[in-house]
Amino acid sequence: MRDLTYPPIIAAAKLSFRLLGQRITMTGTEHVPREGGALIAVNHIGYVDFVYGGLAVNPAGRRVRFMAKRELFDHKVTGPLMRSLHHIEVDRGAGVASYRTAVDYLRAGEVVGIFPEATISRAMELKDFKTGAVRIAAEAGVPLLPVILWGTQRMMTKDHDKDFTTRGLPIHIRVGEALRPTGADPEAETAELHATMAALLDETIRGYPESPEGQWWAPASHGGTAPTLEEAVRLDAEERAARIAKRRQAK
């Protein structure tokens, strides 16, 4: 797949990491295959997760084609960029086309990225997963790699002001061993993926150099002040209702 935009984007991202003085720690990148199709499943805690999720496969010399919501492709600025990077447009009301595109990309040897939670987790821990990740990997016959990001939420996430000023911000990226879904039982295989990523997330938080105690960016289960999963469900529902009401008023 021809990439004119990706190389300068990667170079610009790495320059920004240095300018911001970020301390990026990556582990498990040896699990990323250097050739052939692979699907990465990434937890979703902030608006810049695409950038750092892509960084997870960079040591293997790979580039990620992320599955992303249609609104990003409709935007006059991000739309052309997303298309130039060959990311995959997801229409949540009609997901068959994006599913087929992802499978085709994987069969052609690309690395595809997916956020199984679909939306950002206000709780800073894993929400329920959709079954799409295991179904896509199984149909394409490719490995499914769990990827955990931690620290990205401190720059830009829901309900908090963006902040790119913290010097020396620790960002941890962890790649787990590949799973091999068969598609025989998508629900059970999705539960396995969730459990695997939950364990990796717990290890990543425990290994983070800054204590989560009392921090807004840490989950309540680790002593942080982020909403619990139950509270986050309520906040997500309120956000959806407000968005629908706004659309109706605009008509």
Protein backbone atom coordinates (compact mmCIF):
# COMPACT_ATOMS: atom_id res chain seq x y z
CA MET A 1 0.00 0.00 0.00
CA ARG A 2 1.49 3.32 -1.08
CA ASP A 3 2.19 5.70 1.81
CA LEU A 4 3.15 9.29 1.04
CA THR A 5 1.75 10.83 4.23
CA TYR A 6 2.64 8.23 6.85
CA PRO A 7 6.47 8.64 6.96
CA PRO A 8 6.40 12.41 7.63
CA ILE A 9 3.57 11.95 10.14
CA ILE A 10 5.65 9.38 12.06
CA ALA A 11 8.69 11.68 11.96
CA ALA A 12 6.62 14.63 13.22
CA ALA A 13 5.15 12.51 16.03
CA LYS A 14 8.58 11.35 17.20
CA LEU A 15 9.84 14.95 17.12
CA SER A 16 6.88 16.07 19.24
CA PHE A 17 7.63 13.31 21.78
CA ARG A 18 11.17 14.67 22.14
CA LEU A 19 10.06 18.30 22.32
CA LEU A 20 7.56 17.41 25.04
CA GLY A 21 10.25 15.44 26.88
CA GLN A 22 7.98 12.43 27.16
CA ARG A 23 9.36 9.29 28.76
CA ILE A 24 7.97 6.53 26.56
CA THR A 25 8.44 2.96 27.75
CA MET A 26 7.52 0.14 25.39
CA THR A 27 7.49 -3.54 26.31
CA GLY A 28 6.48 -6.64 24.38
CA THR A 29 7.04 -5.11 20.95
CA GLU A 30 8.83 -8.32 19.95
CA HIS A 31 5.38 -9.91 19.72
CA VAL A 32 4.53 -7.80 16.66
CA PRO A 33 5.19 -9.82 13.47
CA ARG A 34 7.53 -8.14 11.01
CA GLU A 35 5.46 -9.26 8.06
CA GLY A 36 1.98 -10.55 7.32
CA GLY A 37 -1.39 -9.43 8.59
CA ALA A 38 -2.00 -8.74 12.27
CA LEU A 39 -4.80 -7.12 14.23
CA ILE A 40 -3.98 -5.03 17.31
CA ALA A 41 -6.65 -4.44 19.95
CA VAL A 42 -5.96 -1.26 21.91
CA ASN A 43 -7.55 0.07 25.09
CA HIS A 44 -9.11 3.52 24.70
CA ILE A 45 -8.47 6.18 27.35
CA GLY A 46 -7.78 9.35 25.38
CA TYR A 47 -8.06 11.22 22.10
CA VAL A 48 -4.39 10.69 21.16
CA ASP A 49 -4.48 6.90 21.47
CA PHE A 50 -4.19 6.52 17.68
CA VAL A 51 -0.72 8.05 17.78
CA TYR A 52 0.64 5.89 20.59
CA GLY A 53 -1.16 2.76 19.45
CA GLY A 54 0.61 3.16 16.13
CA LEU A 55 3.92 3.57 17.94
CA ALA A 56 3.52 0.07 19.40
CA VAL A 57 4.25 -1.55 16.03
CA ASN A 58 6.91 0.91 14.88
CA PRO A 59 9.90 -1.11 16.23
CA ALA A 60 8.81 -3.95 13.92
CA GLY A 61 8.80 -1.55 10.97
CA ARG A 62 5.01 -1.71 10.62
CA ARG A 63 2.24 0.87 10.16
CA VAL A 64 -1.29 0.60 11.50
CA ARG A 65 -4.53 1.13 9.61
CA PHE A 66 -6.94 2.06 12.39
CA MET A 67 -10.67 1.47 12.32
CA ALA A 68 -12.13 4.87 13.23
CA LYS A 69 -15.54 6.49 13.46
CA ARG A 70 -17.02 8.07 10.34
CA GLU A 71 -17.10 11.55 11.90
CA LEU A 72 -13.31 11.77 11.64
CA PHE A 73 -13.52 11.08 7.91
CA ASP A 74 -16.32 13.64 7.45
CA HIS A 75 -14.27 16.43 9.07
CA LYS A 76 -12.69 18.86 6.58
CA VAL A 77 -9.27 18.66 8.30
CA THR A 78 -8.99 15.13 9.68
CA GLY A 79 -10.89 13.51 6.80
CA PRO A 80 -8.22 13.92 4.09
CA LEU A 81 -5.53 12.94 6.61
CA MET A 82 -7.33 9.76 7.67
CA ARG A 83 -7.85 8.73 4.07
CA SER A 84 -4.22 9.45 3.14
CA LEU A 85 -3.09 7.13 5.96
CA HIS A 86 -5.46 4.43 4.66
CA HIS A 87 -7.37 4.16 7.92
CA ILE A 88 -10.74 2.41 7.83
CA GLU A 89 -13.98 4.35 8.13
CA VAL A 90 -16.51 2.84 10.53
CA ASP A 91 -20.18 3.69 10.22
CA ARG A 92 -21.69 2.41 13.45
CA GLY A 93 -25.09 2.15 11.79
CA ALA A 94 -23.75 -0.04 8.97
CA GLY A 95 -20.57 -1.77 10.01
CA VAL A 96 -20.47 -4.53 7.39
CA ALA A 97 -18.41 -2.47 4.91
CA SER A 98 -15.73 -1.57 7.48
CA TYR A 99 -15.62 -5.20 8.66
CA ARG A 100 -15.00 -6.40 5.10
CA THR A 101 -12.37 -3.72 4.50
CA ALA A 102 -10.52 -4.70 7.68
CA VAL A 103 -10.51 -8.38 6.67
CA ASP A 104 -9.28 -7.49 3.17
CA TYR A 105 -6.47 -5.32 4.59
CA LEU A 106 -5.38 -8.11 6.93
CA ARG A 107 -5.40 -10.72 4.19
CA ALA A 108 -3.24 -8.34 2.13
CA GLY A 109 -0.65 -8.34 4.95
CA GLU A 110 -1.50 -5.05 6.68
CA VAL A 111 -1.61 -4.32 10.42
CA VAL A 112 -5.08 -3.13 11.43
CA GLY A 113 -5.88 -1.41 14.71
CA ILE A 114 -9.18 -1.63 16.57
CA PHE A 115 -10.52 -0.25 19.84
CA PRO A 116 -12.75 -3.08 21.17
CA GLU A 117 -14.44 -0.70 23.62
CA ALA A 118 -15.50 1.48 20.64
CA THR A 119 -15.38 4.68 22.72
CA ILE A 120 -13.12 6.27 25.34
CA SER A 121 -13.42 4.84 28.85
CA ARG A 122 -14.14 7.54 31.41
CA ALA A 123 -13.39 4.97 34.11
CA MET A 124 -9.80 4.57 32.85
CA GLU A 125 -10.32 0.80 32.92
CA LEU A 126 -11.75 -1.55 30.34
CA LYS A 127 -15.39 -1.19 29.33
CA ASP A 128 -17.31 -4.07 27.76
CA PHE A 129 -15.84 -5.24 24.45
CA LYS A 130 -17.57 -5.63 21.12
CA THR A 131 -16.97 -9.00 19.43
CA GLY A 132 -15.67 -7.41 16.23
CA ALA A 133 -11.97 -7.84 17.06
CA VAL A 134 -12.06 -11.62 17.45
CA ARG A 135 -14.43 -12.08 14.51
CA ILE A 136 -12.24 -10.02 12.18
CA ALA A 137 -9.02 -11.75 13.27
CA ALA A 138 -10.63 -15.19 12.95
CA GLU A 139 -12.03 -14.58 9.47
CA ALA A 140 -8.75 -13.09 8.22
CA GLY A 141 -6.73 -15.86 9.87
CA VAL A 142 -4.31 -13.47 11.58
CA PRO A 143 -2.93 -13.07 15.12
CA LEU A 144 -4.73 -10.74 17.51
CA LEU A 145 -2.35 -8.73 19.69
CA PRO A 146 -3.54 -6.99 22.88
CA VAL A 147 -2.03 -3.51 23.34
CA ILE A 148 -2.27 -1.42 26.51
CA LEU A 149 -1.65 2.32 26.66
CA TRP A 150 -1.23 4.22 29.91
CA GLY A 151 -0.52 7.92 30.43
CA THR A 152 -2.08 9.12 27.18
CA GLN A 153 -5.25 10.10 29.03
CA ARG A 154 -3.29 12.79 30.90
CA MET A 155 -2.90 14.77 27.67
CA MET A 156 -6.41 14.73 26.23
CA THR A 157 -9.49 12.80 27.25
CA LYS A 158 -13.17 13.22 28.05
CA ASP A 159 -14.32 15.65 30.78
CA HIS A 160 -10.84 17.17 31.29
CA ASP A 161 -8.93 20.06 29.75
CA LYS A 162 -6.19 19.07 27.34
CA ASP A 163 -2.66 19.41 28.69
CA PHE A 164 0.44 18.90 26.58
CA THR A 165 2.69 20.91 28.90
CA THR A 166 3.79 18.24 31.39
CA ARG A 167 7.51 17.70 30.89
CA GLY A 168 8.75 14.16 31.33
CA LEU A 169 5.26 12.69 31.16
CA PRO A 170 5.57 8.88 31.43
CA ILE A 171 3.78 7.01 28.65
CA HIS A 172 3.72 3.22 28.90
CA ILE A 173 2.91 0.99 25.93
CA ARG A 174 2.65 -2.75 26.46
CA VAL A 175 2.11 -5.39 23.77
CA GLY A 176 0.93 -8.80 24.91
CA GLU A 177 1.41 -12.20 23.33
CA ALA A 178 -0.79 -12.88 20.33
CA LEU A 179 -4.12 -14.64 20.65
CA ARG A 180 -5.42 -16.86 17.85
CA PRO A 181 -9.20 -16.57 17.66
CA THR A 182 -10.98 -19.27 15.68
CA GLY A 183 -14.40 -17.64 15.53
CA ALA A 184 -16.03 -20.78 16.94
CA ASP A 185 -17.28 -18.90 20.00
CA PRO A 186 -16.87 -15.11 19.56
CA GLU A 187 -18.35 -14.31 22.97
CA ALA A 188 -15.94 -16.62 24.83
CA GLU A 189 -12.96 -15.45 22.77
CA THR A 190 -13.91 -11.83 23.41
CA ALA A 191 -14.07 -12.58 27.14
CA GLU A 192 -10.57 -14.06 26.87
CA LEU A 193 -9.30 -10.94 25.11
CA HIS A 194 -10.90 -8.73 27.76
CA ALA A 195 -9.38 -10.75 30.61
CA THR A 196 -5.96 -10.70 28.95
CA MET A 197 -6.03 -6.95 28.44
CA ALA A 198 -7.39 -6.33 31.95
CA ALA A 199 -4.44 -8.21 33.43
CA LEU A 200 -2.00 -6.27 31.22
CA LEU A 201 -3.63 -2.98 32.21
CA ASP A 202 -3.39 -3.84 35.90
CA GLU A 203 0.31 -4.71 35.52
CA THR A 204 0.93 -1.50 33.57
CA ILE A 205 -0.73 0.71 36.18
CA ARG A 206 1.19 -1.01 38.98
CA GLY A 207 4.45 -0.49 37.10
CA TYR A 208 3.78 3.18 36.33
CA PRO A 209 6.32 5.51 38.01
CA GLU A 210 3.66 7.82 39.47
CA SER A 211 1.22 6.72 42.15
CA PRO A 212 -2.43 6.53 41.02
CA GLU A 213 -3.68 7.35 44.52
CA GLY A 214 -6.07 10.31 44.39
CA GLN A 215 -5.37 11.05 40.72
CA TRP A 216 -8.18 11.94 38.31
CA TRP A 217 -6.43 9.96 35.56
CA ALA A 218 -6.46 6.69 37.53
CA PRO A 219 -9.32 4.22 38.03
CA ALA A 220 -11.18 3.98 41.32
CA SER A 221 -10.03 0.35 41.60
CA HIS A 222 -6.45 1.64 41.95
CA GLY A 223 -7.26 4.47 44.34
CA GLY A 224 -7.86 7.11 41.67
CA THR A 225 -10.82 9.46 41.40
CA ALA A 226 -11.99 8.53 37.90
CA PRO A 227 -15.64 7.43 37.72
CA THR A 228 -16.36 3.79 38.43
CA LEU A 229 -17.44 1.68 35.46
CA GLU A 230 -21.05 1.98 36.65
CA GLU A 231 -20.81 5.77 36.93
CA ALA A 232 -19.15 5.94 33.53
CA VAL A 233 -22.07 4.03 31.97
CA ARG A 234 -24.43 6.71 33.32
CA LEU A 235 -22.24 9.55 32.06
CA ASP A 236 -21.97 7.93 28.62
CA ALA A 237 -25.76 7.60 28.46
CA GLU A 238 -26.21 11.27 29.40
CA GLU A 239 -23.70 12.28 26.74
CA ARG A 240 -25.53 10.25 24.07
CA ALA A 241 -28.88 11.75 25.08
CA ALA A 242 -27.47 15.28 24.90
CA ARG A 243 -25.97 14.58 21.48
CA ILE A 244 -29.28 13.24 20.14
CA ALA A 245 -31.16 16.23 21.53
CA LYS A 246 -28.70 18.61 19.90
CA ARG A 247 -29.16 16.89 16.52
CA ARG A 248 -32.94 17.16 16.81
CA GLN A 249 -32.74 20.87 17.62
CA ALA A 250 -30.50 21.44 14.60
CA LYS A 251 -33.10 19.96 12.22
